[in-house]
Amino acid sequence: MKPSILFIIFLMHIMSGCNKKDVTITKDYVINPNWDEVENSIFVYKMRIKDSSQALDIKDPSTDELRYGLIKDTSFSYSANVMYNGVDYSDRKVYFNRDNGFSWRNMNERCSDCRRKVLGEFQSGTWYLLSMAKIGTLYYVFLDTSDSLHVFKVYGMTNY
């Protein structure tokens, strides 16, 4: 490719990223101002370290450590479509430990109605992966034993 075409592609990539608003994740809720009436899904996966003889650096894990050092724990894998409740999507808090007016669907069960109203609290010492519509970013979160939540972004990803 010619350098000018590469520059145009680079600028388009930068500008498309500028339209994304920051997501807020706490141990109690998530706010995704990028959701709307059509694209409003969220996926929450419990993760575990792939090689139990190794540990991830909680202070500054690399993107590769997160993407390839963690795997899904099939015992906890949920999705939901955030239903409109009168609060604008840009301000809407979706709680993990409260009823939000919609159901979380267990993606691992083979039953016709495996839903729950409340997802539950994040467990101490556990990794989670959050993926949301309209972002292209994965959020790896870890709740440490002192009850502090660590959030790490992996950019340029689609739904996991």
N, C-alpha and C. Protein backbone atom coordinates (compact mmCIF):
# COMPACT_ATOMS: atom_id res chain seq x y z
N MET A 1 0.83 -1.18 0.00
CA MET A 1 0.00 0.00 0.00
C MET A 1 0.87 1.25 0.00
N LYS A 2 0.36 2.28 -0.59
CA LYS A 2 1.07 3.55 -0.61
C LYS A 2 0.99 4.18 0.78
N PRO A 3 2.01 4.96 1.15
CA PRO A 3 1.99 5.61 2.47
C PRO A 3 0.77 6.49 2.70
N SER A 4 0.27 7.15 1.67
CA SER A 4 -0.89 8.02 1.85
C SER A 4 -2.15 7.23 2.20
N ILE A 5 -2.29 6.04 1.61
CA ILE A 5 -3.43 5.19 1.92
C ILE A 5 -3.33 4.69 3.36
N LEU A 6 -2.11 4.31 3.78
CA LEU A 6 -1.91 3.88 5.16
C LEU A 6 -2.25 4.99 6.13
N PHE A 7 -1.87 6.22 5.79
CA PHE A 7 -2.16 7.37 6.65
C PHE A 7 -3.67 7.59 6.75
N ILE A 8 -4.39 7.45 5.66
CA ILE A 8 -5.85 7.62 5.67
C ILE A 8 -6.50 6.54 6.52
N ILE A 9 -6.04 5.31 6.39
CA ILE A 9 -6.57 4.21 7.20
C ILE A 9 -6.30 4.49 8.68
N PHE A 10 -5.09 4.96 8.98
CA PHE A 10 -4.73 5.28 10.36
C PHE A 10 -5.64 6.38 10.91
N LEU A 11 -5.87 7.43 10.14
CA LEU A 11 -6.75 8.52 10.58
C LEU A 11 -8.18 8.03 10.80
N MET A 12 -8.67 7.17 9.91
CA MET A 12 -10.03 6.64 10.07
C MET A 12 -10.13 5.83 11.36
N HIS A 13 -9.09 5.07 11.65
CA HIS A 13 -9.08 4.27 12.88
C HIS A 13 -9.10 5.18 14.11
N ILE A 14 -8.28 6.22 14.09
CA ILE A 14 -8.23 7.16 15.21
C ILE A 14 -9.58 7.86 15.38
N MET A 15 -10.16 8.33 14.29
CA MET A 15 -11.42 9.06 14.37
C MET A 15 -12.57 8.17 14.81
N SER A 16 -12.58 6.91 14.38
CA SER A 16 -13.66 6.02 14.81
C SER A 16 -13.56 5.75 16.30
N GLY A 17 -12.34 5.73 16.84
CA GLY A 17 -12.17 5.53 18.27
C GLY A 17 -12.58 6.74 19.08
N CYS A 18 -12.56 7.92 18.46
CA CYS A 18 -12.92 9.14 19.18
C CYS A 18 -14.41 9.18 19.50
N ASN A 19 -15.21 8.46 18.77
CA ASN A 19 -16.65 8.47 19.00
C ASN A 19 -17.04 7.60 20.19
N LYS A 20 -16.16 6.76 20.65
CA LYS A 20 -16.46 5.88 21.77
C LYS A 20 -16.31 6.64 23.08
N LYS A 21 -17.29 6.48 23.93
CA LYS A 21 -17.25 7.12 25.24
C LYS A 21 -16.75 6.11 26.26
N ASP A 22 -16.14 6.62 27.31
CA ASP A 22 -15.56 5.75 28.34
C ASP A 22 -16.63 4.97 29.09
N VAL A 23 -16.34 3.71 29.30
CA VAL A 23 -17.19 2.82 30.09
C VAL A 23 -16.72 2.89 31.54
N THR A 24 -17.65 2.88 32.47
CA THR A 24 -17.33 2.86 33.90
C THR A 24 -17.70 1.50 34.45
N ILE A 25 -16.72 0.87 35.10
CA ILE A 25 -16.97 -0.43 35.73
C ILE A 25 -16.55 -0.34 37.19
N THR A 26 -17.47 -0.67 38.08
CA THR A 26 -17.18 -0.78 39.50
C THR A 26 -17.49 -2.22 39.92
N LYS A 27 -17.27 -2.53 41.17
CA LYS A 27 -17.60 -3.89 41.61
C LYS A 27 -19.11 -4.08 41.73
N ASP A 28 -19.88 -2.98 41.67
CA ASP A 28 -21.33 -3.05 41.81
C ASP A 28 -22.10 -2.89 40.49
N TYR A 29 -21.55 -2.12 39.55
CA TYR A 29 -22.30 -1.81 38.33
C TYR A 29 -21.38 -1.46 37.17
N VAL A 30 -21.98 -1.36 35.99
CA VAL A 30 -21.30 -0.89 34.78
C VAL A 30 -22.17 0.18 34.14
N ILE A 31 -21.54 1.21 33.61
CA ILE A 31 -22.21 2.23 32.80
C ILE A 31 -21.54 2.22 31.44
N ASN A 32 -22.31 1.97 30.41
CA ASN A 32 -21.79 1.99 29.04
C ASN A 32 -22.57 3.04 28.25
N PRO A 33 -22.03 4.25 28.12
CA PRO A 33 -22.74 5.31 27.41
C PRO A 33 -22.82 5.07 25.90
N ASN A 34 -22.22 4.00 25.42
CA ASN A 34 -22.25 3.67 24.00
C ASN A 34 -23.46 2.82 23.61
N TRP A 35 -24.17 2.27 24.59
CA TRP A 35 -25.35 1.47 24.31
C TRP A 35 -26.46 2.34 23.73
N ASP A 36 -27.36 1.70 23.00
CA ASP A 36 -28.57 2.37 22.53
C ASP A 36 -29.69 1.35 22.50
N GLU A 37 -30.83 1.73 21.89
CA GLU A 37 -32.01 0.86 21.89
C GLU A 37 -31.78 -0.45 21.14
N VAL A 38 -30.84 -0.46 20.20
CA VAL A 38 -30.60 -1.65 19.38
C VAL A 38 -29.40 -2.45 19.88
N GLU A 39 -28.30 -1.76 20.13
CA GLU A 39 -27.08 -2.43 20.55
C GLU A 39 -26.87 -2.18 22.04
N ASN A 40 -27.27 -3.17 22.84
CA ASN A 40 -27.25 -3.00 24.30
C ASN A 40 -26.92 -4.29 25.03
N SER A 41 -26.12 -5.14 24.41
CA SER A 41 -25.81 -6.41 25.05
C SER A 41 -24.58 -6.32 25.94
N ILE A 42 -24.55 -7.21 26.91
CA ILE A 42 -23.41 -7.35 27.80
C ILE A 42 -23.18 -8.83 28.06
N PHE A 43 -21.92 -9.22 28.08
CA PHE A 43 -21.51 -10.58 28.37
C PHE A 43 -20.55 -10.54 29.55
N VAL A 44 -20.76 -11.42 30.52
CA VAL A 44 -19.89 -11.49 31.69
C VAL A 44 -19.44 -12.94 31.84
N TYR A 45 -18.12 -13.12 31.81
CA TYR A 45 -17.52 -14.45 31.94
C TYR A 45 -16.60 -14.47 33.16
N LYS A 46 -16.71 -15.51 33.96
CA LYS A 46 -15.71 -15.74 34.98
C LYS A 46 -14.52 -16.38 34.26
N MET A 47 -13.33 -15.95 34.62
CA MET A 47 -12.12 -16.45 33.97
C MET A 47 -11.24 -17.15 35.01
N ARG A 48 -10.38 -18.01 34.51
CA ARG A 48 -9.38 -18.64 35.38
C ARG A 48 -8.05 -18.64 34.65
N ILE A 49 -7.00 -18.74 35.43
CA ILE A 49 -5.66 -18.75 34.84
C ILE A 49 -5.46 -20.08 34.13
N LYS A 50 -5.01 -20.00 32.90
CA LYS A 50 -4.84 -21.19 32.05
C LYS A 50 -3.83 -22.17 32.65
N ASP A 51 -2.71 -21.65 33.10
CA ASP A 51 -1.66 -22.48 33.69
C ASP A 51 -1.60 -22.17 35.18
N SER A 52 -2.10 -23.09 35.99
CA SER A 52 -2.22 -22.83 37.43
C SER A 52 -0.87 -22.65 38.12
N SER A 53 0.22 -22.99 37.46
CA SER A 53 1.54 -22.80 38.06
C SER A 53 2.05 -21.37 37.87
N GLN A 54 1.29 -20.56 37.11
CA GLN A 54 1.69 -19.18 36.88
C GLN A 54 0.67 -18.23 37.46
N ALA A 55 1.08 -16.99 37.63
CA ALA A 55 0.18 -15.95 38.14
C ALA A 55 0.27 -14.74 37.23
N LEU A 56 -0.81 -13.98 37.16
CA LEU A 56 -0.82 -12.74 36.39
C LEU A 56 -0.43 -11.58 37.29
N ASP A 57 0.30 -10.65 36.72
CA ASP A 57 0.69 -9.44 37.44
C ASP A 57 -0.52 -8.53 37.55
N ILE A 58 -1.07 -8.40 38.74
CA ILE A 58 -2.28 -7.60 38.96
C ILE A 58 -2.00 -6.11 38.74
N LYS A 59 -0.78 -5.67 38.95
CA LYS A 59 -0.45 -4.26 38.82
C LYS A 59 -0.42 -3.81 37.36
N ASP A 60 0.08 -4.66 36.46
CA ASP A 60 0.21 -4.24 35.07
C ASP A 60 0.33 -5.45 34.14
N PRO A 61 -0.75 -6.22 33.99
CA PRO A 61 -0.65 -7.38 33.10
C PRO A 61 -0.59 -6.93 31.64
N SER A 62 0.13 -7.69 30.84
CA SER A 62 0.20 -7.35 29.41
C SER A 62 -1.08 -7.82 28.72
N THR A 63 -1.32 -7.27 27.56
CA THR A 63 -2.48 -7.68 26.76
C THR A 63 -2.41 -9.17 26.46
N ASP A 64 -1.22 -9.67 26.12
CA ASP A 64 -1.07 -11.10 25.83
C ASP A 64 -1.34 -11.97 27.06
N GLU A 65 -0.91 -11.51 28.24
CA GLU A 65 -1.19 -12.27 29.46
C GLU A 65 -2.70 -12.40 29.66
N LEU A 66 -3.41 -11.32 29.43
CA LEU A 66 -4.87 -11.34 29.61
C LEU A 66 -5.54 -12.19 28.55
N ARG A 67 -5.19 -11.97 27.30
CA ARG A 67 -5.86 -12.68 26.20
C ARG A 67 -5.54 -14.16 26.16
N TYR A 68 -4.29 -14.53 26.47
CA TYR A 68 -3.88 -15.92 26.32
C TYR A 68 -3.60 -16.64 27.63
N GLY A 69 -3.49 -15.89 28.73
CA GLY A 69 -3.21 -16.50 30.02
C GLY A 69 -4.45 -16.83 30.83
N LEU A 70 -5.60 -16.31 30.36
CA LEU A 70 -6.87 -16.57 31.04
C LEU A 70 -7.80 -17.33 30.09
N ILE A 71 -8.58 -18.23 30.66
CA ILE A 71 -9.58 -18.95 29.88
C ILE A 71 -10.92 -18.90 30.62
N LYS A 72 -11.99 -19.12 29.89
CA LYS A 72 -13.32 -19.09 30.50
C LYS A 72 -13.49 -20.21 31.51
N ASP A 73 -14.10 -19.87 32.62
CA ASP A 73 -14.55 -20.84 33.60
C ASP A 73 -16.00 -21.14 33.22
N THR A 74 -16.26 -22.30 32.71
CA THR A 74 -17.58 -22.60 32.15
C THR A 74 -18.69 -22.62 33.20
N SER A 75 -18.35 -22.50 34.47
CA SER A 75 -19.40 -22.50 35.50
C SER A 75 -20.11 -21.15 35.61
N PHE A 76 -19.55 -20.10 34.94
CA PHE A 76 -20.15 -18.77 35.07
C PHE A 76 -19.96 -18.02 33.76
N SER A 77 -21.02 -17.96 32.98
CA SER A 77 -20.98 -17.32 31.67
C SER A 77 -22.38 -16.80 31.36
N TYR A 78 -22.57 -15.47 31.45
CA TYR A 78 -23.91 -14.89 31.32
C TYR A 78 -23.94 -13.76 30.29
N SER A 79 -25.11 -13.59 29.71
CA SER A 79 -25.33 -12.47 28.79
C SER A 79 -26.69 -11.85 29.09
N ALA A 80 -26.84 -10.61 28.63
CA ALA A 80 -28.12 -9.92 28.81
C ALA A 80 -28.24 -8.82 27.76
N ASN A 81 -29.47 -8.49 27.45
CA ASN A 81 -29.78 -7.30 26.68
C ASN A 81 -30.36 -6.30 27.67
N VAL A 82 -29.73 -5.15 27.75
CA VAL A 82 -30.12 -4.13 28.71
C VAL A 82 -31.40 -3.47 28.21
N MET A 83 -32.46 -3.71 28.92
CA MET A 83 -33.76 -3.18 28.53
C MET A 83 -33.88 -1.72 28.96
N TYR A 84 -34.54 -0.93 28.15
CA TYR A 84 -34.77 0.48 28.47
C TYR A 84 -35.69 0.57 29.68
N ASN A 85 -35.34 1.42 30.64
CA ASN A 85 -36.14 1.56 31.85
C ASN A 85 -36.49 3.02 32.16
N GLY A 86 -36.39 3.88 31.16
CA GLY A 86 -36.69 5.29 31.36
C GLY A 86 -35.45 6.14 31.60
N VAL A 87 -34.32 5.50 31.93
CA VAL A 87 -33.05 6.21 32.11
C VAL A 87 -32.28 6.13 30.80
N ASP A 88 -31.78 7.26 30.33
CA ASP A 88 -31.02 7.29 29.09
C ASP A 88 -29.86 6.28 29.17
N TYR A 89 -29.61 5.58 28.08
CA TYR A 89 -28.55 4.58 28.06
C TYR A 89 -27.19 5.16 28.47
N SER A 90 -26.92 6.41 28.14
CA SER A 90 -25.62 6.99 28.46
C SER A 90 -25.42 7.14 29.98
N ASP A 91 -26.49 7.11 30.75
CA ASP A 91 -26.41 7.25 32.21
C ASP A 91 -26.78 5.97 32.96
N ARG A 92 -27.26 4.99 32.26
CA ARG A 92 -27.83 3.79 32.88
C ARG A 92 -26.79 2.96 33.60
N LYS A 93 -27.04 2.70 34.87
CA LYS A 93 -26.21 1.79 35.66
C LYS A 93 -26.84 0.40 35.58
N VAL A 94 -26.05 -0.57 35.16
CA VAL A 94 -26.48 -1.96 35.17
C VAL A 94 -25.77 -2.63 36.34
N TYR A 95 -26.57 -3.01 37.32
CA TYR A 95 -26.03 -3.57 38.55
C TYR A 95 -25.81 -5.07 38.42
N PHE A 96 -24.76 -5.54 39.10
CA PHE A 96 -24.48 -6.97 39.12
C PHE A 96 -25.24 -7.65 40.25
N ASN A 97 -25.50 -6.92 41.34
CA ASN A 97 -26.09 -7.53 42.53
C ASN A 97 -27.48 -6.98 42.85
N ARG A 98 -28.18 -6.50 41.81
CA ARG A 98 -29.57 -6.01 41.97
C ARG A 98 -30.36 -6.40 40.73
N ASP A 99 -31.64 -6.40 40.88
CA ASP A 99 -32.53 -6.63 39.74
C ASP A 99 -32.55 -5.37 38.89
N ASN A 100 -32.25 -5.51 37.60
CA ASN A 100 -32.21 -4.39 36.66
C ASN A 100 -33.46 -4.30 35.80
N GLY A 101 -34.39 -5.23 36.00
CA GLY A 101 -35.60 -5.23 35.18
C GLY A 101 -35.46 -6.07 33.92
N PHE A 102 -34.38 -6.83 33.82
CA PHE A 102 -34.19 -7.77 32.71
C PHE A 102 -33.52 -9.02 33.28
N SER A 103 -33.41 -10.04 32.47
CA SER A 103 -32.83 -11.30 32.93
C SER A 103 -31.44 -11.52 32.34
N TRP A 104 -30.60 -12.13 33.14
CA TRP A 104 -29.30 -12.61 32.69
C TRP A 104 -29.48 -14.06 32.23
N ARG A 105 -28.98 -14.39 31.06
CA ARG A 105 -29.12 -15.74 30.51
C ARG A 105 -27.82 -16.50 30.68
N ASN A 106 -27.91 -17.67 31.30
CA ASN A 106 -26.75 -18.54 31.45
C ASN A 106 -26.45 -19.15 30.09
N MET A 107 -25.28 -18.90 29.56
CA MET A 107 -24.94 -19.36 28.22
C MET A 107 -24.41 -20.78 28.20
N ASN A 108 -24.22 -21.39 29.36
CA ASN A 108 -23.66 -22.75 29.39
C ASN A 108 -24.70 -23.83 29.66
N GLU A 109 -25.82 -23.46 30.18
CA GLU A 109 -26.83 -24.46 30.52
C GLU A 109 -27.60 -24.90 29.27
N ARG A 110 -28.08 -26.12 29.30
CA ARG A 110 -28.86 -26.65 28.19
C ARG A 110 -30.33 -26.75 28.56
N CYS A 111 -30.83 -25.76 29.24
CA CYS A 111 -32.24 -25.77 29.59
C CYS A 111 -32.95 -24.65 28.86
N SER A 112 -34.24 -24.74 28.76
CA SER A 112 -34.99 -23.78 27.97
C SER A 112 -35.15 -22.43 28.67
N ASP A 113 -35.03 -22.39 29.99
CA ASP A 113 -35.23 -21.13 30.68
C ASP A 113 -34.21 -20.98 31.82
N CYS A 114 -32.95 -20.82 31.46
CA CYS A 114 -31.88 -20.67 32.45
C CYS A 114 -31.55 -19.20 32.62
N ARG A 115 -32.42 -18.53 33.34
CA ARG A 115 -32.26 -17.09 33.51
C ARG A 115 -32.27 -16.74 34.99
N ARG A 116 -31.67 -15.62 35.29
CA ARG A 116 -31.70 -15.11 36.65
C ARG A 116 -31.84 -13.60 36.59
N LYS A 117 -32.47 -13.05 37.59
CA LYS A 117 -32.70 -11.60 37.68
C LYS A 117 -31.47 -10.85 38.19
N VAL A 118 -30.68 -11.50 39.05
CA VAL A 118 -29.50 -10.89 39.65
C VAL A 118 -28.29 -11.74 39.31
N LEU A 119 -27.25 -11.09 38.80
CA LEU A 119 -26.04 -11.81 38.43
C LEU A 119 -25.25 -12.21 39.66
N GLY A 120 -25.13 -11.33 40.63
CA GLY A 120 -24.39 -11.62 41.86
C GLY A 120 -23.12 -10.80 41.95
N GLU A 121 -22.54 -10.79 43.13
CA GLU A 121 -21.33 -10.02 43.39
C GLU A 121 -20.12 -10.68 42.74
N PHE A 122 -19.14 -9.85 42.39
CA PHE A 122 -17.85 -10.39 41.96
C PHE A 122 -17.20 -11.04 43.16
N GLN A 123 -16.55 -12.17 42.93
CA GLN A 123 -15.89 -12.91 44.00
C GLN A 123 -14.45 -12.43 44.15
N SER A 124 -14.03 -12.32 45.38
CA SER A 124 -12.66 -11.91 45.69
C SER A 124 -11.66 -12.91 45.11
N GLY A 125 -10.56 -12.40 44.56
CA GLY A 125 -9.52 -13.26 44.01
C GLY A 125 -9.88 -13.87 42.67
N THR A 126 -10.85 -13.29 41.97
CA THR A 126 -11.37 -13.88 40.73
C THR A 126 -11.29 -12.89 39.58
N TRP A 127 -10.93 -13.41 38.41
CA TRP A 127 -10.92 -12.64 37.17
C TRP A 127 -12.26 -12.76 36.47
N TYR A 128 -12.69 -11.68 35.80
CA TYR A 128 -13.89 -11.67 34.98
C TYR A 128 -13.56 -10.96 33.66
N LEU A 129 -14.33 -11.28 32.66
CA LEU A 129 -14.23 -10.62 31.37
C LEU A 129 -15.59 -10.05 31.04
N LEU A 130 -15.63 -8.76 30.72
CA LEU A 130 -16.87 -8.10 30.30
C LEU A 130 -16.71 -7.65 28.86
N SER A 131 -17.70 -7.97 28.06
CA SER A 131 -17.73 -7.57 26.67
C SER A 131 -19.09 -6.94 26.41
N MET A 132 -19.08 -5.79 25.75
CA MET A 132 -20.32 -5.06 25.54
C MET A 132 -20.45 -4.60 24.10
N ALA A 133 -21.69 -4.52 23.62
CA ALA A 133 -21.97 -4.08 22.26
C ALA A 133 -21.46 -2.65 22.04
N LYS A 134 -21.07 -2.37 20.81
CA LYS A 134 -20.69 -1.05 20.33
C LYS A 134 -19.37 -0.52 20.88
N ILE A 135 -18.51 -1.39 21.39
CA ILE A 135 -17.27 -0.86 21.96
C ILE A 135 -16.03 -1.37 21.24
N GLY A 136 -15.94 -2.66 20.99
CA GLY A 136 -14.73 -3.22 20.40
C GLY A 136 -13.60 -3.32 21.40
N THR A 137 -13.92 -3.29 22.68
CA THR A 137 -12.94 -3.39 23.75
C THR A 137 -13.40 -4.44 24.74
N LEU A 138 -12.46 -5.26 25.18
CA LEU A 138 -12.75 -6.22 26.23
C LEU A 138 -12.25 -5.64 27.55
N TYR A 139 -12.99 -5.89 28.62
CA TYR A 139 -12.62 -5.41 29.95
C TYR A 139 -12.37 -6.61 30.84
N TYR A 140 -11.12 -6.77 31.25
CA TYR A 140 -10.76 -7.80 32.21
C TYR A 140 -10.76 -7.14 33.58
N VAL A 141 -11.48 -7.73 34.52
CA VAL A 141 -11.55 -7.15 35.86
C VAL A 141 -11.15 -8.20 36.90
N PHE A 142 -10.53 -7.72 37.94
CA PHE A 142 -10.07 -8.59 39.02
C PHE A 142 -10.39 -7.92 40.33
N LEU A 143 -11.08 -8.62 41.20
CA LEU A 143 -11.38 -8.13 42.54
C LEU A 143 -10.37 -8.76 43.49
N ASP A 144 -9.50 -7.93 44.07
CA ASP A 144 -8.47 -8.49 44.94
C ASP A 144 -9.01 -8.73 46.35
N THR A 145 -8.18 -9.29 47.19
CA THR A 145 -8.62 -9.68 48.54
C THR A 145 -8.87 -8.48 49.45
N SER A 146 -8.40 -7.29 49.06
CA SER A 146 -8.71 -6.10 49.85
C SER A 146 -9.94 -5.38 49.31
N ASP A 147 -10.68 -6.06 48.43
CA ASP A 147 -11.94 -5.56 47.89
C ASP A 147 -11.76 -4.41 46.89
N SER A 148 -10.57 -4.31 46.28
CA SER A 148 -10.32 -3.30 45.25
C SER A 148 -10.48 -3.95 43.88
N LEU A 149 -11.15 -3.23 42.99
CA LEU A 149 -11.38 -3.74 41.63
C LEU A 149 -10.33 -3.17 40.70
N HIS A 150 -9.70 -4.04 39.93
CA HIS A 150 -8.71 -3.65 38.93
C HIS A 150 -9.34 -3.89 37.56
N VAL A 151 -9.32 -2.88 36.70
CA VAL A 151 -9.93 -2.98 35.37
C VAL A 151 -8.86 -2.77 34.33
N PHE A 152 -8.79 -3.70 33.36
CA PHE A 152 -7.80 -3.64 32.29
C PHE A 152 -8.53 -3.74 30.95
N LYS A 153 -8.20 -2.83 30.03
CA LYS A 153 -8.84 -2.80 28.72
C LYS A 153 -7.94 -3.48 27.69
N VAL A 154 -8.57 -4.26 26.82
CA VAL A 154 -7.89 -4.80 25.65
C VAL A 154 -8.64 -4.26 24.45
N TYR A 155 -7.99 -3.39 23.69
CA TYR A 155 -8.63 -2.67 22.59
C TYR A 155 -8.67 -3.49 21.32
N GLY A 156 -9.58 -3.07 20.44
CA GLY A 156 -9.66 -3.64 19.11
C GLY A 156 -10.25 -5.03 19.06
N MET A 157 -11.03 -5.39 20.05
CA MET A 157 -11.62 -6.73 20.08
C MET A 157 -13.12 -6.61 19.84
N THR A 158 -13.69 -7.69 19.35
CA THR A 158 -15.14 -7.77 19.22
C THR A 158 -15.65 -8.60 20.38
N ASN A 159 -16.95 -8.88 20.40
CA ASN A 159 -17.51 -9.69 21.48
C ASN A 159 -16.74 -11.01 21.57
N TYR A 160 -16.44 -11.41 22.74
CA TYR A 160 -15.63 -12.60 23.03
C TYR A 160 -16.42 -13.85 22.81
